[in-house]
Protein backbone atom coordinates (compact mmCIF):
# COMPACT_ATOMS: atom_id res chain seq x y z
CA MET A 1 -92.58 -48.52 86.99
CA ILE A 2 -93.95 -51.45 84.59
CA PRO A 3 -95.07 -54.24 86.21
CA ILE A 4 -93.35 -57.38 85.34
CA THR A 5 -96.02 -59.63 85.43
CA HIS A 6 -96.63 -59.70 81.65
CA CYS A 7 -92.92 -60.65 81.18
CA ASP A 8 -92.17 -64.73 80.58
CA PHE A 9 -89.21 -66.22 82.18
CA LYS A 10 -87.15 -66.48 79.06
CA PHE A 11 -87.33 -62.58 78.87
CA ARG A 12 -86.98 -62.00 82.35
CA ALA A 13 -84.03 -64.23 82.48
CA MET A 14 -82.14 -62.57 79.67
CA MET A 15 -82.65 -58.97 81.25
CA VAL A 16 -81.48 -60.42 84.44
CA ARG A 17 -78.17 -61.55 82.82
CA GLY A 18 -77.29 -57.98 81.38
CA SER A 19 -76.39 -54.83 83.28
CA GLN A 20 -77.25 -53.85 86.88
CA ARG A 21 -79.62 -51.11 85.53
CA LEU A 22 -81.64 -54.01 83.86
CA ALA A 23 -81.47 -56.06 87.06
CA GLU A 24 -82.79 -52.98 89.08
CA ALA A 25 -85.76 -52.48 86.71
CA LEU A 26 -86.74 -55.87 87.56
CA GLY A 27 -87.03 -55.34 91.36
CA ALA A 28 -83.77 -56.76 92.33
CA ALA A 29 -82.68 -54.04 94.69
CA THR A 30 -78.83 -53.01 94.92
CA GLU A 31 -78.95 -53.29 98.74
CA GLN A 32 -80.53 -56.93 98.42
CA ARG A 33 -77.32 -58.65 97.60
CA TRP A 34 -76.13 -62.34 98.54
CA PRO A 35 -72.98 -62.44 100.70
CA CYS A 36 -70.94 -63.40 96.91
CA GLY A 37 -72.29 -60.27 95.66
CA HIS A 38 -74.92 -61.10 93.39
CA HIS A 39 -78.49 -59.85 93.31
CA ARG A 40 -80.96 -61.61 95.05
CA THR A 41 -83.13 -63.11 92.05
CA GLU A 42 -84.20 -66.71 91.19
CA LEU A 43 -81.04 -67.07 89.15
CA THR A 44 -79.05 -66.44 92.07
CA THR A 45 -80.69 -68.62 94.66
CA HIS A 46 -78.67 -69.79 97.47
CA THR A 47 -79.41 -73.27 99.27
CA VAL A 48 -78.45 -74.26 102.70
CA GLY A 49 -75.11 -76.33 101.36
CA PHE A 50 -74.08 -73.24 99.62
CA VAL A 51 -74.79 -70.18 101.78
CA LYS A 52 -71.94 -68.10 100.73
CA GLN A 53 -72.18 -69.05 96.52
CA CYS A 54 -74.86 -68.70 94.59
CA LYS A 55 -75.65 -70.70 90.99
CA PRO A 56 -73.71 -68.55 88.92
CA CYS A 57 -70.67 -68.79 91.49
CA ARG A 58 -70.85 -72.37 91.71
CA ARG A 59 -71.12 -72.70 88.03
CA GLN A 60 -67.83 -70.51 87.71
CA LYS A 61 -66.01 -72.81 90.34
CA CYS A 62 -66.99 -75.82 88.54
CA ARG A 63 -65.73 -74.60 85.27
CA ARG A 64 -62.53 -73.49 86.83
CA SER A 65 -62.18 -77.01 88.59
CA LEU A 66 -63.17 -78.57 85.27
CA GLN A 67 -60.34 -76.60 83.51
CA THR A 68 -57.68 -77.37 86.26
CA ASN A 69 -58.25 -81.65 86.10
CA VAL A 70 -58.40 -81.18 82.31
CA MET A 71 -54.71 -79.34 82.29
CA ARG A 72 -53.57 -81.63 85.21
CA ALA A 73 -54.51 -84.64 82.75
CA ARG A 74 -52.89 -83.56 79.89
CA SER A 75 -49.65 -82.71 81.61
CA LYS A 76 -49.85 -86.30 83.10
CA GLN A 77 -50.47 -87.48 79.69
CA MET A 78 -47.52 -85.65 78.25
CA LEU A 79 -44.91 -86.49 80.98
CA LEU A 80 -46.06 -90.26 80.53
CA GLY A 81 -45.70 -89.82 76.71
CA ARG A 82 -42.03 -88.57 77.19
CA GLU A 83 -40.99 -91.08 79.76
CA ALA A 84 -42.55 -93.80 77.14
CA ALA A 85 -40.66 -92.23 74.25
CA ALA A 86 -37.25 -92.02 76.64
CA ALA A 87 -37.63 -95.62 77.55
CA ALA A 88 -38.27 -96.89 74.07
CA ARG A 89 -34.93 -95.01 72.93
CA GLU A 90 -33.11 -96.72 75.75
CA ILE A 91 -34.28 -99.97 74.56
CA ALA A 92 -33.50 -99.37 70.89
CA ASN A 93 -29.80 -98.11 71.96
CA SER A 94 -29.32 -101.36 73.95
CA ARG A 95 -30.42 -103.62 71.15
CA GLN A 96 -28.08 -101.82 68.63
CA ILE A 97 -25.35 -101.90 71.12
CA GLU A 98 -25.90 -105.89 71.57
CA ALA A 99 -26.10 -105.87 67.58
CA GLU A 100 -22.93 -104.36 67.37
CA ARG A 101 -21.19 -106.65 69.83
CA LEU A 102 -22.74 -109.63 68.40
CA TYR A 103 -21.34 -108.59 65.00
CA GLU A 104 -17.92 -108.23 66.35
CA LEU A 105 -17.98 -111.17 67.96
CA ARG A 106 -19.01 -113.50 64.68
CA SER A 107 -17.04 -111.50 62.56
CA GLY A 108 -14.20 -109.96 64.26
CA ARG A 109 -14.74 -106.46 62.49
CA MET A 110 -15.94 -103.34 63.47
CA ARG A 111 -18.55 -101.00 62.15
CA PRO A 112 -17.56 -97.90 60.50
CA PRO A 113 -18.25 -95.57 62.77
CA LYS A 114 -16.87 -97.59 65.78
CA LEU A 115 -13.42 -97.77 63.60
CA LYS A 116 -13.33 -94.21 63.46
CA ASP A 117 -13.45 -93.95 66.90
CA ALA A 118 -11.11 -96.21 67.77
CA VAL A 119 -8.55 -94.86 65.20
CA ALA A 120 -9.16 -91.30 66.74
CA LYS A 121 -8.78 -92.76 70.47
CA THR A 122 -5.18 -93.95 69.21
CA PHE A 123 -4.31 -90.41 67.97
CA GLY A 124 -5.80 -88.76 71.61
CA LEU A 125 -8.87 -87.45 69.36
CA THR A 126 -12.76 -88.23 69.40
CA SER A 127 -14.88 -88.78 66.09
CA ALA A 128 -15.90 -85.17 66.25
CA ASP A 129 -12.28 -84.35 65.61
CA ILE A 130 -11.90 -86.26 62.74
CA ASP A 131 -15.20 -84.95 61.02
CA GLY A 132 -13.66 -81.27 62.10
CA PRO A 133 -12.18 -78.75 59.76
CA CYS A 134 -8.73 -78.72 61.18
CA ARG A 135 -5.74 -79.62 59.27
CA ARG A 136 -3.05 -80.13 61.41
CA ALA A 137 -0.92 -82.98 61.24
CA SER A 138 -2.72 -84.44 64.61
CA HIS A 139 -5.67 -84.48 62.73
CA THR A 140 -4.65 -85.48 58.96
CA HIS A 141 -2.77 -88.66 60.17
CA PRO A 142 -5.80 -90.48 61.73
CA ARG A 143 -7.84 -89.26 58.71
CA SER A 144 -5.44 -91.00 56.39
CA VAL A 145 -5.45 -94.48 58.44
CA ILE A 146 -9.37 -94.37 58.25
CA THR A 147 -8.74 -93.78 54.41
CA ARG A 148 -6.28 -96.27 53.55
CA ILE A 149 -8.21 -98.97 55.59
CA LEU A 150 -11.24 -98.41 54.12
CA ARG A 151 -10.02 -98.14 50.81
CA GLU A 152 -8.54 -101.56 50.93
CA ARG A 153 -11.87 -102.56 51.84
CA HIS A 154 -13.32 -101.49 48.58
CA TRP A 155 -14.89 -98.25 49.63
CA SER A 156 -15.23 -95.56 47.16
CA PHE A 157 -13.41 -91.96 47.94
CA PRO A 158 -17.09 -90.42 48.10
CA GLN A 159 -18.03 -92.85 50.87
CA ILE A 160 -15.22 -92.48 52.68
CA GLY A 161 -15.51 -89.03 52.42
CA ARG A 162 -18.79 -88.85 53.70
CA MET A 163 -17.53 -90.83 56.82
CA ILE A 164 -14.94 -88.53 57.62
CA GLY A 165 -16.88 -85.14 57.80
CA GLY A 166 -18.46 -84.85 54.54
CA ARG A 167 -14.78 -84.04 52.56
CA ASP A 168 -14.77 -84.58 48.84
CA HIS A 169 -13.07 -87.07 46.60
CA SER A 170 -9.90 -84.72 46.00
CA THR A 171 -9.55 -84.55 49.65
CA VAL A 172 -9.90 -88.30 50.44
CA PHE A 173 -7.80 -88.81 47.48
CA ASN A 174 -5.08 -86.96 48.51
CA SER A 175 -5.15 -88.34 52.34
CA TYR A 176 -4.91 -91.83 50.69
CA HIS A 177 -1.99 -91.25 48.83
CA ASN A 178 -0.19 -89.30 51.56
CA PHE A 179 -0.34 -92.09 53.90
CA GLU A 180 3.19 -93.25 53.41
CA LYS A 181 4.42 -89.94 53.86
CA TYR A 182 2.56 -89.70 57.51
CA ALA A 183 4.12 -93.28 58.30
CA ALA A 184 7.73 -92.02 57.90
CA VAL A 185 7.17 -89.22 60.10
CA ASN A 186 4.86 -90.51 62.63
CA PRO A 187 5.08 -93.99 63.93
CA ARG A 188 1.68 -94.24 65.44
CA VAL A 189 0.13 -93.86 61.69
CA GLN A 190 1.66 -97.35 60.73
CA MET A 191 0.89 -98.28 64.57
CA ALA A 192 -2.77 -97.90 64.08
CA TYR A 193 -2.72 -99.12 60.72
CA ASP A 194 -1.75 -102.42 61.62
CA ARG A 195 -4.03 -102.68 64.53
CA PHE A 196 -7.21 -101.92 62.59
CA LYS A 197 -6.50 -102.95 59.10
CA ASP A 198 -8.00 -106.60 59.88
CA ARG A 199 -11.01 -105.02 61.40
CA ALA A 200 -12.80 -102.60 58.95
CA PRO A 201 -15.90 -103.68 57.59
CA GLU A 202 -16.71 -104.32 53.98
CA VAL A 203 -18.30 -101.79 51.68
CA ASP A 204 -21.90 -103.72 52.07
CA THR A 205 -21.62 -103.24 55.95
């Protein structure tokens, strides 16, 4: 066997990190192992404080611990960011609600979405029903009320169409001119109109 006294430490370390055959060639006998399983070399020295762990074991444990701490820190940061975003949205929503209430108190009028929701509730519907594709009388009558009220506030037909589900000019035009016909067969049409006609916003609000 070639003696290893002429090998420098750097070359020896490179060979020790290699395969088991190279480690054995450097004199690390297979039966001479630490309790962790590594060969007994100067690179795997154990200390009194780490009897069951050599240096590579301790480095691997430190890397795993560091990765775990980094992942925990990132998860905590993401959670805090989500909580902060949710709190900001809640504050913005509360401010918007207060602004709408103040607007209604000062002007006595409603914002367009709230007007649509109020008219829909009069007919037992929701805003989503007003925007939906249904063409039954139970849905066309409240749309006609909204169209008539906003048109009298100088809203254009395309603007009204965008507010009630993205409908085109001709659909809104027919809904506006069919108001009298709907009011003749459904008393709630005229009742809803009389109730909300003075609370509709102008076109620039």
